[in-house]
């Protein structure tokens, strides 16, 4: 195999190697959901994809199977031919499981290494670990010598004093976006500067960086320390984060650290539009963690980047998880049962047309992508419906999960349980699930 060739193949080839496009009867008509096999290890994902593409069940992939599948996934015929030739190592005209596994692994390594090896480029396949987030104050101190105030928004970490939240300059300002700082001089993202400075692991040896496993969608106007605490809580969940990835080895796609804030991809020459930047890591992760602050009226739904990330997640067939802080979790049931009408009104008021962005050009570019069906856009109405549907679905799941705790705390016949069941019934009714509404 020649890793150099794999670097130049479009990312859809990687998606092709790792997942299978299928119709999902539960999805909305305007969305195609991809089955991403996110609950299994990479080797198992690759084997499952091989089996799915082996339509005649003969244990090998012939050129016709590869061509039909890849063309359906959007690859150019020339890319398909190159892909087949590169993976057919023994030249027998078919791709065995061994060749398939070896070839897909080679592409993943080559694509990742190409990004890592390019100085000054954003690290779109590199995530930060919980160990890094915990050590961030000391990391900043070593890089810059500055203190790390705790009451900061993500926006302040990048730009320093904000016109919206004027609490003083942020400690990462000089590391990421300040004119006299370390990365201002070297024009790179914070991850790259940490690597150059030898800051790659915690005192106990836990790595700071790894290949992304979870894409994080969050509003920059919200509290950064609360964001970190929310990810810690999500990682400690009983479902193992729903992906089979151990919490301590999970690598989070947090744009503030892995995108070069001096020259983000959409400002490079030639520029890379937001959809080409975000689709690959979202598809590779297969799971987006949407952090809501506050959950009943989150800032995320007023920010065009967050809405676009949600749209991309749904279009790519990735799983959308909602993560709440400890405080938000504690008041979830009370807020849902006492302010149900207000919550439904807030969800129904989601309107991507009114969403804002710090940089006006970003807003205009993303609006164009939302309206462009050729790039996966479903239009403003389609996006609004998709986000509303996702939130209503999450509310039902979250309420069902909270019911056990409420029953345990107050008893199955308590008023608290009755109020929650009533809210669940109204949620089902909102979605047209009338039989379930009656059962609730």
Foldseek 3Di string as FASTA:
>chain_A
DDLVLLQPFALLVLLLQQWAWDADPVDDPLATAIDGLLQDDRLVSNVVSQCVLPVVPPQWAALVSQQVRVVVSPGDPVSSVVLQVVLPVVPPRIHHSVSSSVSSVSSVVSNQVVQVVDFLAFNLFKFFALQCVVCVQVLLCVQPVDGADQFAFLVQLDCAADPVHGPGHGSNPQVAPPCNHDCVVRNHFQVVVCVVVVNAADPVRQGGMDGAQEEEQEDRVDGPVQVSQQLVVCCPDPCNNVRNDRRSPHGYPDPNGRARPVAGQCRDVVHDAPLSSQLSSLLVNLEYEYEAVQPLQGPLLQALVSLLNLLSNRNHNGHYHYTYGPVNLVCVLVCCLPVVVSSLVNLLPRWSVRHDYPDRVSSVRSQVCLPDVVSPHPHRVVSSVSSSVVSLVVSLVSLVVCLVVCCVVANCPDPSNVSSLQSNLVSCVVVVVNVSSVVD
